[in-house]
Amino acid sequence: MTYIVNDKCIACKYTDCVEVCPVDCFYEGENMLVIHPDECIDCGVCEPECPADAIRPDTDPDAEKWVEFNRKYAELWPVIVTKKDQLSTAEEMDGKEGKIELFSEAPGEGG
């Protein structure tokens, strides 16, 4: 099993999860994070840290497509290990449906 980040992270990008990750498997895009599924050790410490409930086990329904999505962007974006402020849109966008349309392929700053 591995953990993935789904579209609930888009336009929120809370980073509480990155500080607790013991293997630094989070990668930062412009408006979301992803987990590299080949680096995740399945410890699960990140899941309860996400205010948006965007981190889910790969056993969840609909998670299969997110495993490949996370893998793709983890290989393109920089690693992030330090907590940052969430996006200015986070409170407004938290829990909204259909956020995949807002997704940006652009990398974040990492760090």
Protein backbone atom coordinates (compact mmCIF):
# COMPACT_ATOMS: atom_id res chain seq x y z
CA MET A 1 0.00 0.00 0.00
CA THR A 2 1.01 3.60 -0.58
CA TYR A 3 -0.62 6.95 0.01
CA ILE A 4 -1.66 9.42 -2.68
CA VAL A 5 -2.77 13.03 -2.85
CA ASN A 6 -6.02 13.63 -4.71
CA ASP A 7 -7.74 16.69 -6.19
CA LYS A 8 -8.89 17.91 -2.78
CA CYS A 9 -5.40 19.43 -2.46
CA ILE A 10 -5.76 21.62 -5.56
CA ALA A 11 -5.99 25.35 -4.74
CA CYS A 12 -5.42 24.61 -1.03
CA LYS A 13 -1.92 23.08 -0.83
CA TYR A 14 -1.69 22.73 2.91
CA THR A 15 1.82 21.54 3.76
CA ASP A 16 1.35 20.23 7.29
CA CYS A 17 2.01 16.74 5.89
CA VAL A 18 5.52 17.36 4.62
CA GLU A 19 7.05 18.00 8.04
CA VAL A 20 5.95 14.64 9.45
CA CYS A 21 7.05 12.55 6.46
CA PRO A 22 10.09 10.47 7.48
CA VAL A 23 11.21 9.81 3.90
CA ASP A 24 10.59 13.16 2.16
CA CYS A 25 8.35 11.75 -0.58
CA PHE A 26 6.23 14.90 -1.13
CA TYR A 27 6.68 16.98 -4.26
CA GLU A 28 5.36 20.49 -4.84
CA GLY A 29 3.43 21.83 -7.78
CA GLU A 30 2.21 25.36 -8.18
CA ASN A 31 -1.17 24.63 -6.59
CA MET A 32 -0.97 21.14 -5.04
CA LEU A 33 1.32 18.47 -3.62
CA VAL A 34 1.83 14.86 -4.67
CA ILE A 35 3.43 11.81 -3.05
CA HIS A 36 5.90 9.68 -4.98
CA PRO A 37 4.29 6.23 -4.61
CA ASP A 38 7.63 4.45 -5.05
CA GLU A 39 9.20 6.42 -2.19
CA CYS A 40 6.28 6.32 0.28
CA ILE A 41 6.88 3.75 3.03
CA ASP A 42 3.18 3.48 3.89
CA CYS A 43 3.60 4.77 7.43
CA GLY A 44 0.43 6.88 7.24
CA VAL A 45 1.62 9.71 9.50
CA CYS A 46 0.79 12.28 6.82
CA GLU A 47 -2.86 11.34 6.36
CA PRO A 48 -4.26 12.80 9.61
CA GLU A 49 -2.17 15.98 9.13
CA CYS A 50 -4.04 17.06 5.99
CA PRO A 51 -6.83 19.55 6.80
CA ALA A 52 -8.38 18.99 3.34
CA ASP A 53 -8.51 15.17 3.66
CA ALA A 54 -6.59 14.99 0.37
CA ILE A 55 -4.19 12.24 1.44
CA ARG A 56 -5.71 8.82 1.03
CA PRO A 57 -4.49 5.20 0.92
CA ASP A 58 -4.26 3.67 -2.53
CA THR A 59 -6.88 1.14 -1.46
CA ASP A 60 -9.62 3.81 -1.53
CA PRO A 61 -12.09 3.63 -4.40
CA ASP A 62 -10.92 5.78 -7.33
CA ALA A 63 -7.34 5.90 -5.97
CA GLU A 64 -5.77 3.92 -8.80
CA LYS A 65 -5.77 6.87 -11.21
CA TRP A 66 -4.25 9.06 -8.49
CA VAL A 67 -1.30 6.69 -8.02
CA GLU A 68 -0.20 7.31 -11.61
CA PHE A 69 -1.02 11.02 -11.37
CA ASN A 70 1.14 11.31 -8.23
CA ARG A 71 3.98 9.33 -9.82
CA LYS A 72 3.96 11.47 -12.97
CA TYR A 73 4.18 14.81 -11.17
CA ALA A 74 6.55 13.61 -8.44
CA GLU A 75 9.03 12.93 -11.21
CA LEU A 76 8.60 16.46 -12.60
CA TRP A 77 8.28 18.64 -9.50
CA PRO A 78 10.77 19.53 -6.72
CA VAL A 79 10.74 17.79 -3.36
CA ILE A 80 9.24 19.73 -0.45
CA VAL A 81 10.25 19.03 3.16
CA THR A 82 9.44 22.31 4.91
CA LYS A 83 5.98 23.52 5.89
CA LYS A 84 4.82 26.67 4.10
CA ASP A 85 1.70 28.80 4.30
CA GLN A 86 -1.26 27.32 2.47
CA LEU A 87 -2.48 29.04 -0.69
CA SER A 88 -4.53 32.19 -0.21
CA THR A 89 -7.48 30.34 -1.76
CA ALA A 90 -7.32 27.44 0.71
CA GLU A 91 -10.21 28.32 3.02
CA GLU A 92 -12.48 29.24 0.11
CA MET A 93 -11.60 26.15 -1.94
CA ASP A 94 -11.40 23.52 0.81
CA GLY A 95 -14.12 20.95 0.16
CA LYS A 96 -15.16 22.27 -3.26
CA GLU A 97 -15.93 19.75 -5.99
CA GLY A 98 -14.52 19.78 -9.51
CA LYS A 99 -11.15 21.26 -8.63
CA ILE A 100 -9.28 19.18 -11.21
CA GLU A 101 -10.12 21.91 -13.73
CA LEU A 102 -7.99 24.30 -11.64
CA PHE A 103 -4.95 21.99 -11.67
CA SER A 104 -1.65 23.52 -12.79
CA GLU A 105 1.17 21.37 -14.17
CA ALA A 106 3.68 24.08 -13.23
CA PRO A 107 6.20 23.11 -10.55
CA GLY A 108 6.30 24.75 -7.16
CA GLU A 109 9.42 26.11 -5.49
CA GLY A 110 10.15 23.05 -3.37
CA GLY A 111 12.24 23.42 -0.28
